[in-house]
Amino acid sequence: MVTVQRAIEAQGIPTTLITLDVEQSSLMRPPRAIHPMQFQFGHSLGKPHDKQTQMKVLMAALEQLTIKQEPGQIHEIHFPSYNQ
């Protein structure tokens, strides 16, 4: 996935990876990435039909576009609404 991300970035379009597998993703050193903590695999944006959490995850991912950072940093973010 990071290869696609790098190709898009090479065209001048910034991207943010949303990853649940921090170990694997950190090996690829993505340009920007967030890790929604304690999310189950298959729930990258949150549980099905949980629009509130899904929107929070998307907004957190978009916020990364405004922050200057080094490739390979994966920001762990807790979303309390996911566990409810």
N, C-alpha and C. Protein backbone atom coordinates (compact mmCIF):
# COMPACT_ATOMS: atom_id res chain seq x y z
N MET A 1 0.81 -1.19 0.00
CA MET A 1 0.00 0.00 0.00
C MET A 1 0.85 1.26 0.00
N VAL A 2 1.97 1.21 0.71
CA VAL A 2 2.83 2.38 0.79
C VAL A 2 3.44 2.69 -0.57
N THR A 3 3.66 1.68 -1.40
CA THR A 3 4.18 1.91 -2.75
C THR A 3 3.21 2.78 -3.54
N VAL A 4 1.94 2.50 -3.44
CA VAL A 4 0.91 3.32 -4.09
C VAL A 4 0.93 4.72 -3.49
N GLN A 5 1.05 4.78 -2.17
CA GLN A 5 1.08 6.08 -1.49
C GLN A 5 2.26 6.91 -2.00
N ARG A 6 3.42 6.30 -2.14
CA ARG A 6 4.59 7.03 -2.62
C ARG A 6 4.41 7.50 -4.07
N ALA A 7 3.78 6.68 -4.91
CA ALA A 7 3.54 7.06 -6.30
C ALA A 7 2.60 8.27 -6.37
N ILE A 8 1.59 8.28 -5.53
CA ILE A 8 0.66 9.41 -5.50
C ILE A 8 1.39 10.66 -5.00
N GLU A 9 2.19 10.50 -3.95
CA GLU A 9 2.96 11.62 -3.41
C GLU A 9 3.94 12.17 -4.46
N ALA A 10 4.51 11.30 -5.27
CA ALA A 10 5.45 11.73 -6.32
C ALA A 10 4.78 12.63 -7.35
N GLN A 11 3.46 12.54 -7.45
CA GLN A 11 2.70 13.39 -8.37
C GLN A 11 2.29 14.71 -7.71
N GLY A 12 2.73 14.90 -6.46
CA GLY A 12 2.44 16.15 -5.76
C GLY A 12 1.15 16.13 -4.95
N ILE A 13 0.58 14.95 -4.76
CA ILE A 13 -0.66 14.83 -3.99
C ILE A 13 -0.32 14.22 -2.63
N PRO A 14 -0.52 14.96 -1.55
CA PRO A 14 -0.19 14.41 -0.23
C PRO A 14 -1.19 13.33 0.19
N THR A 15 -0.69 12.37 0.96
CA THR A 15 -1.52 11.24 1.39
C THR A 15 -1.28 10.96 2.87
N THR A 16 -2.22 10.25 3.47
CA THR A 16 -2.08 9.77 4.84
C THR A 16 -2.54 8.32 4.88
N LEU A 17 -1.71 7.46 5.43
CA LEU A 17 -2.04 6.05 5.60
C LEU A 17 -2.79 5.86 6.92
N ILE A 18 -3.88 5.11 6.89
CA ILE A 18 -4.57 4.69 8.11
C ILE A 18 -4.25 3.21 8.26
N THR A 19 -3.48 2.87 9.28
CA THR A 19 -3.00 1.50 9.41
C THR A 19 -3.39 0.87 10.74
N LEU A 20 -3.69 -0.40 10.69
CA LEU A 20 -3.94 -1.16 11.91
C LEU A 20 -2.75 -2.06 12.22
N ASP A 21 -1.83 -2.20 11.27
CA ASP A 21 -0.64 -3.04 11.44
C ASP A 21 0.60 -2.14 11.50
N VAL A 22 0.84 -1.59 12.68
CA VAL A 22 1.93 -0.63 12.87
C VAL A 22 3.28 -1.26 12.55
N GLU A 23 3.48 -2.47 12.98
CA GLU A 23 4.78 -3.13 12.77
C GLU A 23 5.11 -3.23 11.28
N GLN A 24 4.18 -3.72 10.50
CA GLN A 24 4.39 -3.86 9.05
C GLN A 24 4.51 -2.50 8.37
N SER A 25 3.64 -1.59 8.73
CA SER A 25 3.65 -0.26 8.10
C SER A 25 4.92 0.51 8.42
N SER A 26 5.44 0.37 9.64
CA SER A 26 6.64 1.12 10.00
C SER A 26 7.86 0.68 9.19
N LEU A 27 7.85 -0.56 8.73
CA LEU A 27 8.96 -1.03 7.88
C LEU A 27 8.99 -0.29 6.55
N MET A 28 7.83 0.15 6.08
CA MET A 28 7.74 0.82 4.79
C MET A 28 7.95 2.34 4.89
N ARG A 29 8.01 2.87 6.11
CA ARG A 29 8.21 4.30 6.34
C ARG A 29 7.28 5.18 5.50
N PRO A 30 5.98 5.11 5.75
CA PRO A 30 5.04 5.92 4.99
C PRO A 30 5.27 7.42 5.22
N PRO A 31 4.95 8.25 4.22
CA PRO A 31 5.12 9.69 4.37
C PRO A 31 4.35 10.26 5.57
N ARG A 32 3.12 9.80 5.76
CA ARG A 32 2.27 10.21 6.88
C ARG A 32 1.39 9.02 7.23
N ALA A 33 1.16 8.81 8.52
CA ALA A 33 0.32 7.68 8.90
C ALA A 33 -0.28 7.87 10.28
N ILE A 34 -1.47 7.31 10.46
CA ILE A 34 -2.08 7.25 11.78
C ILE A 34 -2.46 5.80 12.06
N HIS A 35 -2.49 5.49 13.34
CA HIS A 35 -2.90 4.17 13.81
C HIS A 35 -4.04 4.35 14.81
N PRO A 36 -5.28 4.04 14.39
CA PRO A 36 -6.38 4.08 15.35
C PRO A 36 -6.20 2.95 16.37
N MET A 37 -5.86 3.30 17.58
CA MET A 37 -5.52 2.31 18.60
C MET A 37 -6.72 1.45 18.99
N GLN A 38 -6.44 0.16 19.16
CA GLN A 38 -7.39 -0.85 19.62
C GLN A 38 -8.51 -1.14 18.62
N PHE A 39 -8.36 -0.71 17.37
CA PHE A 39 -9.35 -1.06 16.35
C PHE A 39 -9.09 -2.49 15.89
N GLN A 40 -10.14 -3.23 15.62
CA GLN A 40 -10.01 -4.59 15.09
C GLN A 40 -9.64 -4.53 13.62
N PHE A 41 -8.91 -5.54 13.14
CA PHE A 41 -8.60 -5.61 11.71
C PHE A 41 -9.92 -5.65 10.94
N GLY A 42 -9.97 -4.90 9.87
CA GLY A 42 -11.20 -4.78 9.09
C GLY A 42 -12.02 -3.56 9.47
N HIS A 43 -11.62 -2.91 10.57
CA HIS A 43 -12.33 -1.71 11.03
C HIS A 43 -11.40 -0.49 10.96
N SER A 44 -10.74 -0.28 9.86
CA SER A 44 -9.76 0.81 9.75
C SER A 44 -10.34 2.18 10.08
N LEU A 45 -11.61 2.37 9.76
CA LEU A 45 -12.27 3.65 10.04
C LEU A 45 -13.21 3.57 11.23
N GLY A 46 -13.41 2.39 11.77
CA GLY A 46 -14.35 2.21 12.86
C GLY A 46 -15.32 1.09 12.52
N LYS A 47 -16.25 0.87 13.41
CA LYS A 47 -17.24 -0.20 13.22
C LYS A 47 -18.23 0.19 12.12
N PRO A 48 -18.83 -0.81 11.46
CA PRO A 48 -19.85 -0.51 10.46
C PRO A 48 -20.97 0.35 11.04
N HIS A 49 -21.42 1.30 10.27
CA HIS A 49 -22.52 2.20 10.62
C HIS A 49 -22.20 3.19 11.73
N ASP A 50 -20.95 3.24 12.19
CA ASP A 50 -20.55 4.17 13.24
C ASP A 50 -19.99 5.43 12.57
N LYS A 51 -20.89 6.23 12.05
CA LYS A 51 -20.49 7.41 11.27
C LYS A 51 -19.69 8.41 12.10
N GLN A 52 -20.00 8.52 13.38
CA GLN A 52 -19.31 9.47 14.25
C GLN A 52 -17.82 9.13 14.34
N THR A 53 -17.51 7.89 14.65
CA THR A 53 -16.11 7.49 14.76
C THR A 53 -15.43 7.52 13.40
N GLN A 54 -16.11 7.07 12.37
CA GLN A 54 -15.52 7.08 11.03
C GLN A 54 -15.12 8.49 10.62
N MET A 55 -15.97 9.46 10.92
CA MET A 55 -15.66 10.85 10.58
C MET A 55 -14.47 11.36 11.40
N LYS A 56 -14.39 10.97 12.67
CA LYS A 56 -13.26 11.38 13.51
C LYS A 56 -11.95 10.81 12.97
N VAL A 57 -11.97 9.56 12.52
CA VAL A 57 -10.76 8.94 11.97
C VAL A 57 -10.34 9.67 10.69
N LEU A 58 -11.30 9.93 9.83
CA LEU A 58 -10.98 10.65 8.58
C LEU A 58 -10.44 12.04 8.86
N MET A 59 -11.03 12.74 9.81
CA MET A 59 -10.54 14.08 10.14
C MET A 59 -9.13 14.02 10.73
N ALA A 60 -8.85 13.01 11.55
CA ALA A 60 -7.50 12.85 12.10
C ALA A 60 -6.49 12.57 10.98
N ALA A 61 -6.90 11.77 10.01
CA ALA A 61 -6.02 11.47 8.87
C ALA A 61 -5.76 12.74 8.05
N LEU A 62 -6.80 13.51 7.80
CA LEU A 62 -6.63 14.74 7.03
C LEU A 62 -5.80 15.77 7.79
N GLU A 63 -5.92 15.79 9.10
CA GLU A 63 -5.13 16.73 9.90
C GLU A 63 -3.64 16.49 9.73
N GLN A 64 -3.25 15.24 9.49
CA GLN A 64 -1.83 14.93 9.29
C GLN A 64 -1.24 15.67 8.09
N LEU A 65 -2.09 16.05 7.15
CA LEU A 65 -1.62 16.76 5.96
C LEU A 65 -1.14 18.17 6.30
N THR A 66 -1.54 18.68 7.46
CA THR A 66 -1.17 20.04 7.85
C THR A 66 0.07 20.09 8.74
N ILE A 67 0.59 18.92 9.10
CA ILE A 67 1.71 18.84 10.03
C ILE A 67 2.97 18.39 9.29
N LYS A 68 4.03 19.18 9.40
CA LYS A 68 5.30 18.77 8.79
C LYS A 68 5.87 17.64 9.63
N GLN A 69 6.27 16.54 8.99
CA GLN A 69 6.79 15.40 9.72
C GLN A 69 7.74 14.58 8.86
N GLU A 70 8.52 13.78 9.52
CA GLU A 70 9.47 12.90 8.85
C GLU A 70 8.77 11.61 8.42
N PRO A 71 9.13 11.05 7.26
CA PRO A 71 8.55 9.76 6.86
C PRO A 71 8.82 8.69 7.90
N GLY A 72 7.88 7.82 8.07
CA GLY A 72 8.02 6.71 9.00
C GLY A 72 7.36 6.93 10.35
N GLN A 73 6.95 8.15 10.63
CA GLN A 73 6.25 8.40 11.89
C GLN A 73 4.81 7.92 11.77
N ILE A 74 4.39 7.10 12.71
CA ILE A 74 3.00 6.63 12.73
C ILE A 74 2.40 7.13 14.03
N HIS A 75 1.44 7.99 13.91
CA HIS A 75 0.83 8.62 15.08
C HIS A 75 -0.30 7.74 15.61
N GLU A 76 -0.15 7.30 16.84
CA GLU A 76 -1.18 6.48 17.48
C GLU A 76 -2.24 7.40 18.06
N ILE A 77 -3.47 7.15 17.68
CA ILE A 77 -4.58 8.00 18.12
C ILE A 77 -5.66 7.12 18.74
N HIS A 78 -6.13 7.54 19.90
CA HIS A 78 -7.19 6.81 20.60
C HIS A 78 -8.53 7.46 20.27
N PHE A 79 -9.50 6.65 19.90
CA PHE A 79 -10.85 7.11 19.61
C PHE A 79 -11.81 6.45 20.60
N PRO A 80 -12.13 7.12 21.72
CA PRO A 80 -12.97 6.52 22.75
C PRO A 80 -14.33 6.05 22.22
N SER A 81 -14.86 6.70 21.20
CA SER A 81 -16.18 6.32 20.69
C SER A 81 -16.17 4.95 20.03
N TYR A 82 -15.00 4.42 19.67
CA TYR A 82 -14.92 3.09 19.05
C TYR A 82 -15.26 1.99 20.05
N ASN A 83 -14.90 2.19 21.31
CA ASN A 83 -15.09 1.15 22.32
C ASN A 83 -16.47 1.14 22.95
N GLN A 84 -17.30 2.10 22.63
CA GLN A 84 -18.62 2.17 23.26
C GLN A 84 -19.59 1.17 22.66
